[in-house]
N, C-alpha and C. Protein backbone atom coordinates (compact mmCIF):
# COMPACT_ATOMS: atom_id res chain seq x y z
N MET A 1 -0.74 14.06 1.33
CA MET A 1 -0.34 12.94 0.52
C MET A 1 -1.35 11.81 0.76
N SER A 2 -1.81 11.20 -0.29
CA SER A 2 -2.77 10.12 -0.24
C SER A 2 -2.06 8.79 -0.50
N VAL A 3 -2.38 7.77 0.31
CA VAL A 3 -1.73 6.47 0.20
C VAL A 3 -2.79 5.37 0.21
N VAL A 4 -2.58 4.34 -0.61
CA VAL A 4 -3.44 3.17 -0.62
C VAL A 4 -2.65 2.01 -0.03
N ILE A 5 -3.26 1.33 0.95
CA ILE A 5 -2.64 0.15 1.56
C ILE A 5 -3.48 -1.06 1.18
N VAL A 6 -2.82 -2.09 0.68
CA VAL A 6 -3.51 -3.31 0.28
C VAL A 6 -2.98 -4.46 1.13
N GLY A 7 -3.90 -5.16 1.80
CA GLY A 7 -3.55 -6.31 2.63
C GLY A 7 -3.69 -6.01 4.11
N GLY A 8 -3.83 -7.06 4.87
CA GLY A 8 -3.97 -6.91 6.33
C GLY A 8 -5.40 -6.59 6.71
N ASP A 9 -5.85 -7.15 7.82
CA ASP A 9 -7.20 -6.89 8.29
C ASP A 9 -7.30 -5.58 9.07
N HIS A 10 -6.26 -5.24 9.79
CA HIS A 10 -6.24 -3.97 10.52
C HIS A 10 -4.81 -3.41 10.46
N LEU A 11 -4.71 -2.12 10.65
CA LEU A 11 -3.41 -1.46 10.49
C LEU A 11 -2.67 -1.22 11.80
N GLY A 12 -3.40 -1.17 12.89
CA GLY A 12 -2.76 -0.92 14.17
C GLY A 12 -2.09 0.45 14.20
N ASN A 13 -0.87 0.52 14.69
CA ASN A 13 -0.17 1.80 14.81
C ASN A 13 0.49 2.25 13.50
N ILE A 14 0.40 1.44 12.46
CA ILE A 14 0.99 1.80 11.17
C ILE A 14 0.33 3.07 10.63
N GLU A 15 -0.97 3.18 10.80
CA GLU A 15 -1.68 4.38 10.32
C GLU A 15 -1.14 5.64 11.00
N GLN A 16 -0.96 5.60 12.30
CA GLN A 16 -0.44 6.76 13.04
C GLN A 16 0.97 7.13 12.58
N LYS A 17 1.80 6.14 12.38
CA LYS A 17 3.19 6.41 11.97
C LYS A 17 3.25 6.98 10.55
N LEU A 18 2.37 6.50 9.67
CA LEU A 18 2.33 7.06 8.32
C LEU A 18 1.86 8.51 8.36
N ARG A 19 0.90 8.81 9.21
CA ARG A 19 0.41 10.19 9.34
C ARG A 19 1.52 11.12 9.85
N LEU A 20 2.37 10.61 10.73
CA LEU A 20 3.51 11.40 11.21
C LEU A 20 4.50 11.68 10.08
N MET A 21 4.50 10.83 9.05
CA MET A 21 5.39 11.00 7.90
C MET A 21 4.77 11.88 6.82
N GLY A 22 3.56 12.39 7.06
CA GLY A 22 2.96 13.32 6.11
C GLY A 22 1.77 12.79 5.33
N VAL A 23 1.32 11.58 5.61
CA VAL A 23 0.15 11.04 4.92
C VAL A 23 -1.10 11.69 5.48
N THR A 24 -1.90 12.28 4.59
CA THR A 24 -3.13 12.94 5.03
C THR A 24 -4.37 12.09 4.77
N GLU A 25 -4.35 11.32 3.69
CA GLU A 25 -5.48 10.45 3.36
C GLU A 25 -4.97 9.03 3.20
N LEU A 26 -5.63 8.09 3.89
CA LEU A 26 -5.21 6.71 3.86
C LEU A 26 -6.39 5.84 3.45
N ILE A 27 -6.23 5.07 2.38
CA ILE A 27 -7.27 4.16 1.91
C ILE A 27 -6.76 2.75 2.13
N HIS A 28 -7.52 1.95 2.89
CA HIS A 28 -7.11 0.60 3.21
C HIS A 28 -8.03 -0.41 2.54
N VAL A 29 -7.44 -1.31 1.76
CA VAL A 29 -8.18 -2.39 1.09
C VAL A 29 -7.61 -3.70 1.60
N THR A 30 -8.47 -4.53 2.21
CA THR A 30 -7.96 -5.78 2.78
C THR A 30 -7.57 -6.78 1.71
N GLY A 31 -8.24 -6.75 0.57
CA GLY A 31 -7.95 -7.69 -0.50
C GLY A 31 -8.63 -9.03 -0.33
N ARG A 32 -9.48 -9.15 0.68
CA ARG A 32 -10.13 -10.43 0.96
C ARG A 32 -11.50 -10.57 0.30
N LYS A 33 -12.13 -9.48 -0.06
CA LYS A 33 -13.48 -9.55 -0.61
C LYS A 33 -13.46 -10.18 -2.00
N VAL A 34 -14.56 -10.81 -2.35
CA VAL A 34 -14.66 -11.48 -3.65
C VAL A 34 -14.48 -10.49 -4.78
N LYS A 35 -15.01 -9.28 -4.63
CA LYS A 35 -14.87 -8.28 -5.70
C LYS A 35 -13.42 -7.86 -5.91
N HIS A 36 -12.56 -8.04 -4.92
CA HIS A 36 -11.15 -7.70 -5.06
C HIS A 36 -10.41 -8.69 -5.96
N LYS A 37 -10.96 -9.89 -6.11
CA LYS A 37 -10.33 -10.89 -6.98
C LYS A 37 -10.44 -10.50 -8.45
N LYS A 38 -11.39 -9.62 -8.76
CA LYS A 38 -11.57 -9.16 -10.14
C LYS A 38 -10.74 -7.91 -10.42
N GLY A 39 -10.24 -7.29 -9.40
CA GLY A 39 -9.43 -6.10 -9.57
C GLY A 39 -9.65 -5.10 -8.45
N ILE A 40 -8.68 -4.27 -8.23
CA ILE A 40 -8.75 -3.24 -7.19
C ILE A 40 -8.58 -1.90 -7.87
N ARG A 41 -9.53 -1.00 -7.63
CA ARG A 41 -9.46 0.33 -8.23
C ARG A 41 -8.61 1.23 -7.35
N LEU A 42 -7.69 1.91 -7.98
CA LEU A 42 -6.80 2.82 -7.27
C LEU A 42 -7.10 4.25 -7.68
N PRO A 43 -7.13 5.18 -6.72
CA PRO A 43 -7.32 6.59 -7.08
C PRO A 43 -6.07 7.15 -7.76
N GLN A 44 -6.25 7.96 -8.77
CA GLN A 44 -5.12 8.53 -9.51
C GLN A 44 -4.26 9.45 -8.66
N GLU A 45 -4.85 10.06 -7.63
CA GLU A 45 -4.11 11.03 -6.83
C GLU A 45 -3.26 10.39 -5.74
N ALA A 46 -3.23 9.07 -5.68
CA ALA A 46 -2.42 8.39 -4.66
C ALA A 46 -0.93 8.64 -4.89
N ALA A 47 -0.22 8.93 -3.81
CA ALA A 47 1.23 9.17 -3.90
C ALA A 47 1.97 7.85 -4.11
N PHE A 48 1.51 6.79 -3.44
CA PHE A 48 2.08 5.46 -3.64
C PHE A 48 1.11 4.42 -3.10
N VAL A 49 1.36 3.17 -3.49
CA VAL A 49 0.57 2.04 -3.01
C VAL A 49 1.49 1.16 -2.17
N LEU A 50 1.04 0.84 -0.97
CA LEU A 50 1.78 -0.01 -0.06
C LEU A 50 1.09 -1.37 0.01
N VAL A 51 1.80 -2.43 -0.36
CA VAL A 51 1.23 -3.78 -0.39
C VAL A 51 1.89 -4.61 0.70
N PHE A 52 1.05 -5.18 1.59
CA PHE A 52 1.56 -6.08 2.62
C PHE A 52 1.69 -7.47 2.03
N THR A 53 2.90 -7.90 1.78
CA THR A 53 3.15 -9.16 1.08
C THR A 53 2.76 -10.38 1.90
N ASP A 54 2.75 -10.26 3.20
CA ASP A 54 2.42 -11.42 4.02
C ASP A 54 0.93 -11.56 4.29
N TYR A 55 0.09 -10.75 3.63
CA TYR A 55 -1.35 -10.81 3.87
C TYR A 55 -2.18 -10.93 2.60
N ILE A 56 -1.57 -11.01 1.43
CA ILE A 56 -2.33 -11.19 0.20
C ILE A 56 -1.68 -12.27 -0.65
N ASN A 57 -2.45 -12.78 -1.61
CA ASN A 57 -1.89 -13.82 -2.47
C ASN A 57 -1.18 -13.20 -3.67
N HIS A 58 -0.50 -14.04 -4.43
CA HIS A 58 0.29 -13.55 -5.56
C HIS A 58 -0.57 -12.89 -6.64
N MET A 59 -1.74 -13.45 -6.89
CA MET A 59 -2.59 -12.90 -7.94
C MET A 59 -3.06 -11.49 -7.59
N THR A 60 -3.45 -11.28 -6.34
CA THR A 60 -3.87 -9.94 -5.91
C THR A 60 -2.71 -8.97 -5.99
N ALA A 61 -1.53 -9.40 -5.58
CA ALA A 61 -0.34 -8.53 -5.66
C ALA A 61 -0.06 -8.15 -7.11
N LEU A 62 -0.20 -9.09 -8.02
CA LEU A 62 0.04 -8.81 -9.43
C LEU A 62 -0.99 -7.83 -9.99
N MET A 63 -2.26 -8.00 -9.60
CA MET A 63 -3.31 -7.08 -10.06
C MET A 63 -3.06 -5.66 -9.56
N VAL A 64 -2.67 -5.53 -8.30
CA VAL A 64 -2.39 -4.22 -7.72
C VAL A 64 -1.19 -3.59 -8.42
N LYS A 65 -0.15 -4.37 -8.65
CA LYS A 65 1.05 -3.88 -9.32
C LYS A 65 0.72 -3.37 -10.72
N ASP A 66 -0.07 -4.14 -11.47
CA ASP A 66 -0.45 -3.73 -12.83
C ASP A 66 -1.33 -2.48 -12.82
N ALA A 67 -2.27 -2.41 -11.88
CA ALA A 67 -3.15 -1.24 -11.79
C ALA A 67 -2.35 0.01 -11.46
N ALA A 68 -1.42 -0.11 -10.52
CA ALA A 68 -0.59 1.04 -10.14
C ALA A 68 0.33 1.45 -11.28
N LYS A 69 0.87 0.48 -11.99
CA LYS A 69 1.77 0.77 -13.11
C LYS A 69 1.03 1.50 -14.22
N SER A 70 -0.22 1.12 -14.48
CA SER A 70 -0.99 1.78 -15.54
C SER A 70 -1.31 3.23 -15.18
N LEU A 71 -1.33 3.55 -13.89
CA LEU A 71 -1.59 4.92 -13.43
C LEU A 71 -0.30 5.66 -13.07
N SER A 72 0.85 5.02 -13.26
CA SER A 72 2.16 5.58 -12.91
C SER A 72 2.27 5.93 -11.43
N ILE A 73 1.74 5.05 -10.60
CA ILE A 73 1.81 5.23 -9.14
C ILE A 73 2.87 4.28 -8.61
N PRO A 74 3.84 4.78 -7.85
CA PRO A 74 4.87 3.89 -7.28
C PRO A 74 4.24 2.85 -6.35
N THR A 75 4.77 1.64 -6.38
CA THR A 75 4.27 0.55 -5.54
C THR A 75 5.39 0.07 -4.63
N VAL A 76 5.07 -0.10 -3.36
CA VAL A 76 6.03 -0.57 -2.37
C VAL A 76 5.50 -1.88 -1.80
N PHE A 77 6.33 -2.90 -1.81
CA PHE A 77 5.98 -4.20 -1.24
C PHE A 77 6.76 -4.38 0.05
N ALA A 78 6.03 -4.63 1.15
CA ALA A 78 6.68 -4.79 2.45
C ALA A 78 5.88 -5.74 3.33
N LYS A 79 6.54 -6.27 4.33
CA LYS A 79 5.83 -7.06 5.34
C LYS A 79 5.09 -6.09 6.26
N ARG A 80 4.12 -6.61 7.01
CA ARG A 80 3.32 -5.75 7.88
C ARG A 80 4.02 -5.55 9.23
N SER A 81 5.20 -5.00 9.18
CA SER A 81 5.92 -4.58 10.39
C SER A 81 6.47 -3.19 10.09
N TRP A 82 6.46 -2.33 11.08
CA TRP A 82 6.86 -0.95 10.84
C TRP A 82 8.30 -0.86 10.33
N SER A 83 9.20 -1.67 10.86
CA SER A 83 10.60 -1.59 10.41
C SER A 83 10.72 -1.94 8.93
N SER A 84 9.99 -2.93 8.48
CA SER A 84 10.00 -3.30 7.06
C SER A 84 9.40 -2.20 6.20
N ILE A 85 8.28 -1.65 6.63
CA ILE A 85 7.60 -0.58 5.88
C ILE A 85 8.50 0.64 5.77
N GLU A 86 9.04 1.06 6.90
CA GLU A 86 9.87 2.26 6.93
C GLU A 86 11.10 2.12 6.04
N SER A 87 11.77 0.97 6.11
CA SER A 87 12.97 0.80 5.28
C SER A 87 12.61 0.75 3.80
N CYS A 88 11.51 0.11 3.43
CA CYS A 88 11.10 0.07 2.02
C CYS A 88 10.72 1.45 1.51
N LEU A 89 10.08 2.26 2.34
CA LEU A 89 9.70 3.61 1.92
C LEU A 89 10.94 4.48 1.75
N LYS A 90 11.93 4.32 2.63
CA LYS A 90 13.15 5.10 2.52
C LYS A 90 13.97 4.69 1.31
N VAL A 91 14.08 3.40 1.06
CA VAL A 91 14.83 2.92 -0.10
C VAL A 91 14.17 3.39 -1.39
N GLY A 92 12.84 3.40 -1.40
CA GLY A 92 12.10 3.85 -2.58
C GLY A 92 12.09 5.36 -2.75
N GLY A 93 12.61 6.09 -1.76
CA GLY A 93 12.65 7.54 -1.82
C GLY A 93 11.29 8.19 -1.68
N LEU A 94 10.35 7.50 -1.02
CA LEU A 94 9.00 8.03 -0.89
C LEU A 94 8.79 8.84 0.38
N VAL A 95 9.70 8.72 1.32
CA VAL A 95 9.65 9.53 2.54
C VAL A 95 11.05 10.02 2.86
N ASN A 96 11.12 11.04 3.67
CA ASN A 96 12.42 11.58 4.08
C ASN A 96 13.08 10.65 5.09
N ALA A 97 14.38 10.61 5.06
CA ALA A 97 15.12 9.73 5.98
C ALA A 97 15.06 10.21 7.39
């Protein structure tokens, strides 16, 4: 399963925990680069997009949401804490309980 993460400068142990949940490919976009203000390209094969709400601005979040929606990729918005991420993924039905 391929996942795109938007926001945050580093992932810490989040990457390891996602891999334990079955993620095989992880693409991390910080959202800070100037080119990201014009848009973020998402791969079509992504299972879902995880957006860290406490590390990006509203405009970037909106661009990511629109890009994911145009590709029919589910989008999950969570804070950059494992408990928040895990509960949002479970509520969204993207991982097993």
